[in-house]
Amino acid sequence: METVLKQKKQMIYLPLIVLMFTQIGTSGDNAVLSVATNALISALHASMNDIQLANMVYSLCAGAFMVAAECWESSSAGKRTSASA
């Protein structure tokens, strides 16, 4: 029983670390998008507002998927621990 509690304490920050790295990746993608804005505008025949909207929607969707994945992981982890008890 104590080893299970020790394992839980060691792994308690793992989802937070995963979310942190995915958010860093999303921020990096947004930085690249801001650098490539002029090329995107000319290649896609889009306006600056279209590019800003795409950038905003991408970040919001990525954040929503991160939160959903965290909730799913938390709920499935609870099922695994209750099934093993």
PDB file of N, CA and C in Angstrom:
ATOM      1  N   MET A   1       0.817  -1.200   0.000  1.00  0.00           N
ATOM      2  CA  MET A   1       0.000   0.000   0.000  1.00  0.00           C
ATOM      3  C   MET A   1       0.861   1.265   0.000  1.00  0.00           C
ATOM      4  N   GLU A   2       1.951   1.227   0.783  1.00  0.00           N
ATOM      5  CA  GLU A   2       2.824   2.397   0.856  1.00  0.00           C
ATOM      6  C   GLU A   2       3.525   2.652  -0.468  1.00  0.00           C
ATOM      7  N   THR A   3       3.877   1.588  -1.181  1.00  0.00           N
ATOM      8  CA  THR A   3       4.555   1.778  -2.467  1.00  0.00           C
ATOM      9  C   THR A   3       3.618   2.422  -3.481  1.00  0.00           C
ATOM     10  N   VAL A   4       2.331   2.088  -3.422  1.00  0.00           N
ATOM     11  CA  VAL A   4       1.364   2.704  -4.319  1.00  0.00           C
ATOM     12  C   VAL A   4       1.247   4.194  -4.022  1.00  0.00           C
ATOM     13  N   LEU A   5       1.213   4.551  -2.748  1.00  0.00           N
ATOM     14  CA  LEU A   5       1.138   5.961  -2.373  1.00  0.00           C
ATOM     15  C   LEU A   5       2.405   6.712  -2.776  1.00  0.00           C
ATOM     16  N   LYS A   6       3.554   6.078  -2.644  1.00  0.00           N
ATOM     17  CA  LYS A   6       4.800   6.718  -3.058  1.00  0.00           C
ATOM     18  C   LYS A   6       4.814   6.944  -4.566  1.00  0.00           C
ATOM     19  N   GLN A   7       4.303   5.953  -5.325  1.00  0.00           N
ATOM     20  CA  GLN A   7       4.253   6.100  -6.774  1.00  0.00           C
ATOM     21  C   GLN A   7       3.306   7.237  -7.166  1.00  0.00           C
ATOM     22  N   LYS A   8       2.186   7.334  -6.470  1.00  0.00           N
ATOM     23  CA  LYS A   8       1.238   8.414  -6.763  1.00  0.00           C
ATOM     24  C   LYS A   8       1.853   9.775  -6.468  1.00  0.00           C
ATOM     25  N   LYS A   9       2.584   9.876  -5.370  1.00  0.00           N
ATOM     26  CA  LYS A   9       3.225  11.148  -5.031  1.00  0.00           C
ATOM     27  C   LYS A   9       4.284  11.515  -6.058  1.00  0.00           C
ATOM     28  N   GLN A  10       5.000  10.539  -6.579  1.00  0.00           N
ATOM     29  CA  GLN A  10       6.035  10.811  -7.574  1.00  0.00           C
ATOM     30  C   GLN A  10       5.423  11.241  -8.894  1.00  0.00           C
ATOM     31  N   MET A  11       4.266  10.725  -9.245  1.00  0.00           N
ATOM     32  CA  MET A  11       3.668  10.984 -10.547  1.00  0.00           C
ATOM     33  C   MET A  11       2.615  12.090 -10.515  1.00  0.00           C
ATOM     34  N   ILE A  12       2.443  12.757  -9.391  1.00  0.00           N
ATOM     35  CA  ILE A  12       1.367  13.741  -9.272  1.00  0.00           C
ATOM     36  C   ILE A  12       1.581  14.949 -10.187  1.00  0.00           C
ATOM     37  N   TYR A  13       2.816  15.307 -10.480  1.00  0.00           N
ATOM     38  CA  TYR A  13       3.086  16.473 -11.310  1.00  0.00           C
ATOM     39  C   TYR A  13       3.280  16.141 -12.786  1.00  0.00           C
ATOM     40  N   LEU A  14       3.230  14.874 -13.146  1.00  0.00           N
ATOM     41  CA  LEU A  14       3.456  14.490 -14.537  1.00  0.00           C
ATOM     42  C   LEU A  14       2.449  15.123 -15.502  1.00  0.00           C
ATOM     43  N   PRO A  15       1.141  15.106 -15.231  1.00  0.00           N
ATOM     44  CA  PRO A  15       0.217  15.776 -16.158  1.00  0.00           C
ATOM     45  C   PRO A  15       0.495  17.270 -16.297  1.00  0.00           C
ATOM     46  N   LEU A  16       0.880  17.908 -15.223  1.00  0.00           N
ATOM     47  CA  LEU A  16       1.200  19.335 -15.277  1.00  0.00           C
ATOM     48  C   LEU A  16       2.432  19.586 -16.140  1.00  0.00           C
ATOM     49  N   ILE A  17       3.414  18.728 -16.035  1.00  0.00           N
ATOM     50  CA  ILE A  17       4.624  18.866 -16.853  1.00  0.00           C
ATOM     51  C   ILE A  17       4.299  18.669 -18.322  1.00  0.00           C
ATOM     52  N   VAL A  18       3.449  17.683 -18.627  1.00  0.00           N
ATOM     53  CA  VAL A  18       3.047  17.446 -20.016  1.00  0.00           C
ATOM     54  C   VAL A  18       2.302  18.662 -20.568  1.00  0.00           C
ATOM     55  N   LEU A  19       1.377  19.209 -19.790  1.00  0.00           N
ATOM     56  CA  LEU A  19       0.653  20.407 -20.222  1.00  0.00           C
ATOM     57  C   LEU A  19       1.592  21.593 -20.417  1.00  0.00           C
ATOM     58  N   MET A  20       2.579  21.711 -19.563  1.00  0.00           N
ATOM     59  CA  MET A  20       3.538  22.806 -19.682  1.00  0.00           C
ATOM     60  C   MET A  20       4.306  22.712 -21.000  1.00  0.00           C
ATOM     61  N   PHE A  21       4.778  21.514 -21.334  1.00  0.00           N
ATOM     62  CA  PHE A  21       5.532  21.361 -22.575  1.00  0.00           C
ATOM     63  C   PHE A  21       4.652  21.542 -23.808  1.00  0.00           C
ATOM     64  N   THR A  22       3.403  21.100 -23.751  1.00  0.00           N
ATOM     65  CA  THR A  22       2.528  21.312 -24.903  1.00  0.00           C
ATOM     66  C   THR A  22       2.204  22.792 -25.074  1.00  0.00           C
ATOM     67  N   GLN A  23       2.070  23.512 -23.970  1.00  0.00           N
ATOM     68  CA  GLN A  23       1.825  24.948 -24.074  1.00  0.00           C
ATOM     69  C   GLN A  23       3.037  25.677 -24.633  1.00  0.00           C
ATOM     70  N   ILE A  24       4.226  25.230 -24.259  1.00  0.00           N
ATOM     71  CA  ILE A  24       5.443  25.814 -24.830  1.00  0.00           C
ATOM     72  C   ILE A  24       5.482  25.558 -26.330  1.00  0.00           C
ATOM     73  N   GLY A  25       5.091  24.360 -26.746  1.00  0.00           N
ATOM     74  CA  GLY A  25       5.038  24.050 -28.177  1.00  0.00           C
ATOM     75  C   GLY A  25       4.040  24.911 -28.918  1.00  0.00           C
ATOM     76  N   THR A  26       2.878  25.127 -28.319  1.00  0.00           N
ATOM     77  CA  THR A  26       1.863  25.976 -28.938  1.00  0.00           C
ATOM     78  C   THR A  26       2.366  27.412 -29.053  1.00  0.00           C
ATOM     79  N   SER A  27       3.023  27.891 -28.022  1.00  0.00           N
ATOM     80  CA  SER A  27       3.575  29.254 -28.074  1.00  0.00           C
ATOM     81  C   SER A  27       4.639  29.365 -29.146  1.00  0.00           C
ATOM     82  N   GLY A  28       5.446  28.328 -29.296  1.00  0.00           N
ATOM     83  CA  GLY A  28       6.456  28.325 -30.350  1.00  0.00           C
ATOM     84  C   GLY A  28       5.829  28.356 -31.729  1.00  0.00           C
ATOM     85  N   ASP A  29       4.744  27.606 -31.908  1.00  0.00           N
ATOM     86  CA  ASP A  29       4.036  27.634 -33.191  1.00  0.00           C
ATOM     87  C   ASP A  29       3.486  29.022 -33.479  1.00  0.00           C
ATOM     88  N   ASN A  30       2.964  29.690 -32.469  1.00  0.00           N
ATOM     89  CA  ASN A  30       2.440  31.043 -32.655  1.00  0.00           C
ATOM     90  C   ASN A  30       3.550  32.023 -33.005  1.00  0.00           C
ATOM     91  N   ALA A  31       4.719  31.826 -32.428  1.00  0.00           N
ATOM     92  CA  ALA A  31       5.847  32.707 -32.750  1.00  0.00           C
ATOM     93  C   ALA A  31       6.266  32.524 -34.207  1.00  0.00           C
ATOM     94  N   VAL A  32       6.300  31.291 -34.663  1.00  0.00           N
ATOM     95  CA  VAL A  32       6.647  31.033 -36.059  1.00  0.00           C
ATOM     96  C   VAL A  32       5.590  31.628 -36.984  1.00  0.00           C
ATOM     97  N   LEU A  33       4.340  31.515 -36.583  1.00  0.00           N
ATOM     98  CA  LEU A  33       3.263  32.076 -37.399  1.00  0.00           C
ATOM     99  C   LEU A  33       3.399  33.590 -37.512  1.00  0.00           C
ATOM    100  N   SER A  34       3.792  34.246 -36.442  1.00  0.00           N
ATOM    101  CA  SER A  34       3.936  35.703 -36.515  1.00  0.00           C
ATOM    102  C   SER A  34       5.103  36.102 -37.417  1.00  0.00           C
ATOM    103  N   VAL A  35       6.135  35.270 -37.470  1.00  0.00           N
ATOM    104  CA  VAL A  35       7.255  35.552 -38.363  1.00  0.00           C
ATOM    105  C   VAL A  35       6.849  35.343 -39.822  1.00  0.00           C
ATOM    106  N   ALA A  36       6.012  34.343 -40.062  1.00  0.00           N
ATOM    107  CA  ALA A  36       5.634  33.975 -41.426  1.00  0.00           C
ATOM    108  C   ALA A  36       4.360  34.671 -41.910  1.00  0.00           C
ATOM    109  N   THR A  37       3.903  35.678 -41.203  1.00  0.00           N
ATOM    110  CA  THR A  37       2.635  36.322 -41.544  1.00  0.00           C
ATOM    111  C   THR A  37       2.624  36.888 -42.958  1.00  0.00           C
ATOM    112  N   ASN A  38       3.666  37.598 -43.338  1.00  0.00           N
ATOM    113  CA  ASN A  38       3.700  38.197 -44.680  1.00  0.00           C
ATOM    114  C   ASN A  38       3.650  37.136 -45.774  1.00  0.00           C
ATOM    115  N   ALA A  39       4.366  36.038 -45.575  1.00  0.00           N
ATOM    116  CA  ALA A  39       4.349  34.962 -46.560  1.00  0.00           C
ATOM    117  C   ALA A  39       2.962  34.310 -46.634  1.00  0.00           C
ATOM    118  N   LEU A  40       2.313  34.137 -45.493  1.00  0.00           N
ATOM    119  CA  LEU A  40       0.977  33.545 -45.478  1.00  0.00           C
ATOM    120  C   LEU A  40      -0.047  34.458 -46.151  1.00  0.00           C
ATOM    121  N   ILE A  41       0.063  35.742 -45.896  1.00  0.00           N
ATOM    122  CA  ILE A  41      -0.877  36.684 -46.501  1.00  0.00           C
ATOM    123  C   ILE A  41      -0.777  36.641 -48.023  1.00  0.00           C
ATOM    124  N   SER A  42       0.443  36.620 -48.541  1.00  0.00           N
ATOM    125  CA  SER A  42       0.595  36.603 -50.000  1.00  0.00           C
ATOM    126  C   SER A  42       0.263  35.242 -50.596  1.00  0.00           C
ATOM    127  N   ALA A  43       0.603  34.154 -49.913  1.00  0.00           N
ATOM    128  CA  ALA A  43       0.351  32.823 -50.464  1.00  0.00           C
ATOM    129  C   ALA A  43      -1.127  32.447 -50.411  1.00  0.00           C
ATOM    130  N   LEU A  44      -1.802  32.822 -49.337  1.00  0.00           N
ATOM    131  CA  LEU A  44      -3.211  32.436 -49.160  1.00  0.00           C
ATOM    132  C   LEU A  44      -4.188  33.525 -49.588  1.00  0.00           C
ATOM    133  N   HIS A  45      -3.652  34.683 -49.994  1.00  0.00           N
ATOM    134  CA  HIS A  45      -4.496  35.832 -50.352  1.00  0.00           C
ATOM    135  C   HIS A  45      -5.462  36.153 -49.214  1.00  0.00           C
ATOM    136  N   ALA A  46      -4.898  36.172 -48.011  1.00  0.00           N
ATOM    137  CA  ALA A  46      -5.689  36.426 -46.807  1.00  0.00           C
ATOM    138  C   ALA A  46      -5.370  37.824 -46.291  1.00  0.00           C
ATOM    139  N   SER A  47      -6.244  38.321 -45.441  1.00  0.00           N
ATOM    140  CA  SER A  47      -5.981  39.603 -44.795  1.00  0.00           C
ATOM    141  C   SER A  47      -5.301  39.355 -43.453  1.00  0.00           C
ATOM    142  N   MET A  48      -4.811  40.421 -42.858  1.00  0.00           N
ATOM    143  CA  MET A  48      -4.180  40.307 -41.543  1.00  0.00           C
ATOM    144  C   MET A  48      -5.190  39.823 -40.504  1.00  0.00           C
ATOM    145  N   ASN A  49      -6.439  40.244 -40.626  1.00  0.00           N
ATOM    146  CA  ASN A  49      -7.475  39.790 -39.699  1.00  0.00           C
ATOM    147  C   ASN A  49      -7.690  38.286 -39.801  1.00  0.00           C
ATOM    148  N   ASP A  50      -7.631  37.731 -41.012  1.00  0.00           N
ATOM    149  CA  ASP A  50      -7.785  36.287 -41.184  1.00  0.00           C
ATOM    150  C   ASP A  50      -6.650  35.523 -40.503  1.00  0.00           C
ATOM    151  N   ILE A  51      -5.444  36.028 -40.649  1.00  0.00           N
ATOM    152  CA  ILE A  51      -4.286  35.367 -40.030  1.00  0.00           C
ATOM    153  C   ILE A  51      -4.375  35.461 -38.513  1.00  0.00           C
ATOM    154  N   GLN A  52      -4.780  36.603 -37.995  1.00  0.00           N
ATOM    155  CA  GLN A  52      -4.934  36.753 -36.547  1.00  0.00           C
ATOM    156  C   GLN A  52      -6.021  35.833 -36.009  1.00  0.00           C
ATOM    157  N   LEU A  53      -7.115  35.711 -36.750  1.00  0.00           N
ATOM    158  CA  LEU A  53      -8.189  34.816 -36.328  1.00  0.00           C
ATOM    159  C   LEU A  53      -7.711  33.370 -36.310  1.00  0.00           C
ATOM    160  N   ALA A  54      -6.987  32.963 -37.339  1.00  0.00           N
ATOM    161  CA  ALA A  54      -6.461  31.594 -37.380  1.00  0.00           C
ATOM    162  C   ALA A  54      -5.519  31.339 -36.211  1.00  0.00           C
ATOM    163  N   ASN A  55      -4.693  32.299 -35.893  1.00  0.00           N
ATOM    164  CA  ASN A  55      -3.766  32.173 -34.778  1.00  0.00           C
ATOM    165  C   ASN A  55      -4.515  32.050 -33.451  1.00  0.00           C
ATOM    166  N   MET A  56      -5.552  32.841 -33.287  1.00  0.00           N
ATOM    167  CA  MET A  56      -6.343  32.809 -32.063  1.00  0.00           C
ATOM    168  C   MET A  56      -7.112  31.494 -31.926  1.00  0.00           C
ATOM    169  N   VAL A  57      -7.733  31.055 -32.999  1.00  0.00           N
ATOM    170  CA  VAL A  57      -8.514  29.820 -32.962  1.00  0.00           C
ATOM    171  C   VAL A  57      -7.608  28.626 -32.697  1.00  0.00           C
ATOM    172  N   TYR A  58      -6.428  28.629 -33.312  1.00  0.00           N
ATOM    173  CA  TYR A  58      -5.476  27.533 -33.091  1.00  0.00           C
ATOM    174  C   TYR A  58      -5.113  27.429 -31.614  1.00  0.00           C
ATOM    175  N   SER A  59      -4.793  28.558 -30.986  1.00  0.00           N
ATOM    176  CA  SER A  59      -4.417  28.539 -29.570  1.00  0.00           C
ATOM    177  C   SER A  59      -5.573  28.077 -28.692  1.00  0.00           C
ATOM    178  N   LEU A  60      -6.765  28.559 -28.976  1.00  0.00           N
ATOM    179  CA  LEU A  60      -7.929  28.175 -28.176  1.00  0.00           C
ATOM    180  C   LEU A  60      -8.260  26.695 -28.334  1.00  0.00           C
ATOM    181  N   CYS A  61      -8.180  26.196 -29.551  1.00  0.00           N
ATOM    182  CA  CYS A  61      -8.449  24.765 -29.784  1.00  0.00           C
ATOM    183  C   CYS A  61      -7.388  23.902 -29.112  1.00  0.00           C
ATOM    184  N   ALA A  62      -6.132  24.308 -29.218  1.00  0.00           N
ATOM    185  CA  ALA A  62      -5.059  23.548 -28.571  1.00  0.00           C
ATOM    186  C   ALA A  62      -5.262  23.523 -27.058  1.00  0.00           C
ATOM    187  N   GLY A  63      -5.624  24.655 -26.474  1.00  0.00           N
ATOM    188  CA  GLY A  63      -5.885  24.707 -25.041  1.00  0.00           C
ATOM    189  C   GLY A  63      -7.063  23.846 -24.633  1.00  0.00           C
ATOM    190  N   ALA A  64      -8.126  23.855 -25.441  1.00  0.00           N
ATOM    191  CA  ALA A  64      -9.291  23.032 -25.141  1.00  0.00           C
ATOM    192  C   ALA A  64      -8.942  21.548 -25.194  1.00  0.00           C
ATOM    193  N   PHE A  65      -8.153  21.160 -26.190  1.00  0.00           N
ATOM    194  CA  PHE A  65      -7.742  19.757 -26.277  1.00  0.00           C
ATOM    195  C   PHE A  65      -6.827  19.365 -25.124  1.00  0.00           C
ATOM    196  N   MET A  66      -5.986  20.291 -24.665  1.00  0.00           N
ATOM    197  CA  MET A  66      -5.131  20.001 -23.521  1.00  0.00           C
ATOM    198  C   MET A  66      -5.956  19.763 -22.264  1.00  0.00           C
ATOM    199  N   VAL A  67      -6.941  20.624 -22.044  1.00  0.00           N
ATOM    200  CA  VAL A  67      -7.799  20.475 -20.862  1.00  0.00           C
ATOM    201  C   VAL A  67      -8.612  19.185 -20.959  1.00  0.00           C
ATOM    202  N   ALA A  68      -9.150  18.891 -22.141  1.00  0.00           N
ATOM    203  CA  ALA A  68      -9.925  17.661 -22.322  1.00  0.00           C
ATOM    204  C   ALA A  68      -9.057  16.431 -22.100  1.00  0.00           C
ATOM    205  N   ALA A  69      -7.831  16.465 -22.595  1.00  0.00           N
ATOM    206  CA  ALA A  69      -6.929  15.330 -22.401  1.00  0.00           C
ATOM    207  C   ALA A  69      -6.595  15.149 -20.929  1.00  0.00           C
ATOM    208  N   GLU A  70      -6.405  16.252 -20.223  1.00  0.00           N
ATOM    209  CA  GLU A  70      -6.112  16.172 -18.800  1.00  0.00           C
ATOM    210  C   GLU A  70      -7.295  15.592 -18.031  1.00  0.00           C
ATOM    211  N   CYS A  71      -8.512  16.034 -18.360  1.00  0.00           N
ATOM    212  CA  CYS A  71      -9.707  15.504 -17.698  1.00  0.00           C
ATOM    213  C   CYS A  71      -9.879  14.020 -17.996  1.00  0.00           C
ATOM    214  N   TRP A  72      -9.637  13.634 -19.238  1.00  0.00           N
ATOM    215  CA  TRP A  72      -9.764  12.232 -19.619  1.00  0.00           C
ATOM    216  C   TRP A  72      -8.726  11.387 -18.888  1.00  0.00           C
ATOM    217  N   GLU A  73      -7.499  11.897 -18.811  1.00  0.00           N
ATOM    218  CA  GLU A  73      -6.437  11.164 -18.128  1.00  0.00           C
ATOM    219  C   GLU A  73      -6.758  11.034 -16.645  1.00  0.00           C
ATOM    220  N   SER A  74      -7.269  12.103 -16.046  1.00  0.00           N
ATOM    221  CA  SER A  74      -7.608  12.055 -14.626  1.00  0.00           C
ATOM    222  C   SER A  74      -8.727  11.063 -14.357  1.00  0.00           C
ATOM    223  N   SER A  75      -9.731  11.047 -15.229  1.00  0.00           N
ATOM    224  CA  SER A  75     -10.851  10.124 -15.010  1.00  0.00           C
ATOM    225  C   SER A  75     -10.436   8.683 -15.256  1.00  0.00           C
ATOM    226  N   SER A  76      -9.592   8.440 -16.251  1.00  0.00           N
ATOM    227  CA  SER A  76      -9.167   7.062 -16.506  1.00  0.00           C
ATOM    228  C   SER A  76      -8.184   6.586 -15.444  1.00  0.00           C
ATOM    229  N   ALA A  77      -7.395   7.495 -14.878  1.00  0.00           N
ATOM    230  CA  ALA A  77      -6.497   7.112 -13.788  1.00  0.00           C
ATOM    231  C   ALA A  77      -7.298   6.729 -12.552  1.00  0.00           C
ATOM    232  N   GLY A  78      -8.400   7.431 -12.317  1.00  0.00           N
ATOM    233  CA  GLY A  78      -9.264   7.086 -11.188  1.00  0.00           C
ATOM    234  C   GLY A  78      -9.903   5.724 -11.356  1.00  0.00           C
ATOM    235  N   LYS A  79     -10.280   5.388 -12.577  1.00  0.00           N
ATOM    236  CA  LYS A  79     -10.863   4.077 -12.847  1.00  0.00           C
ATOM    237  C   LYS A  79      -9.836   2.976 -12.625  1.00  0.00           C
ATOM    238  N   ARG A  80      -8.592   3.243 -13.039  1.00  0.00           N
ATOM    239  CA  ARG A  80      -7.552   2.224 -12.874  1.00  0.00           C
ATOM    240  C   ARG A  80      -7.261   1.978 -11.405  1.00  0.00           C
ATOM    241  N   THR A  81      -7.202   3.023 -10.585  1.00  0.00           N
ATOM    242  CA  THR A  81      -6.878   2.833  -9.181  1.00  0.00           C
ATOM    243  C   THR A  81      -8.036   2.180  -8.433  1.00  0.00           C
ATOM    244  N   SER A  82      -9.277   2.538  -8.799  1.00  0.00           N
ATOM    245  CA  SER A  82     -10.410   1.912  -8.105  1.00  0.00           C
ATOM    246  C   SER A  82     -10.589   0.472  -8.536  1.00  0.00           C
ATOM    247  N   ALA A  83     -10.234   0.140  -9.759  1.00  0.00           N
ATOM    248  CA  ALA A  83     -10.360  -1.246 -10.221  1.00  0.00           C
ATOM    249  C   ALA A  83      -9.313  -2.133  -9.587  1.00  0.00           C
ATOM    250  N   SER A  84      -8.130  -1.576  -9.286  1.00  0.00           N
ATOM    251  CA  SER A  84      -7.074  -2.387  -8.696  1.00  0.00           C
ATOM    252  C   SER A  84      -7.225  -2.537  -7.184  1.00  0.00           C
ATOM    253  N   ALA A  85      -8.066  -1.693  -6.585  1.00  0.00           N
ATOM    254  CA  ALA A  85      -8.226  -1.755  -5.118  1.00  0.00           C
ATOM    255  C   ALA A  85      -9.130  -2.848  -4.663  1.00  0.00           C
TER     256      ALA A  85
END
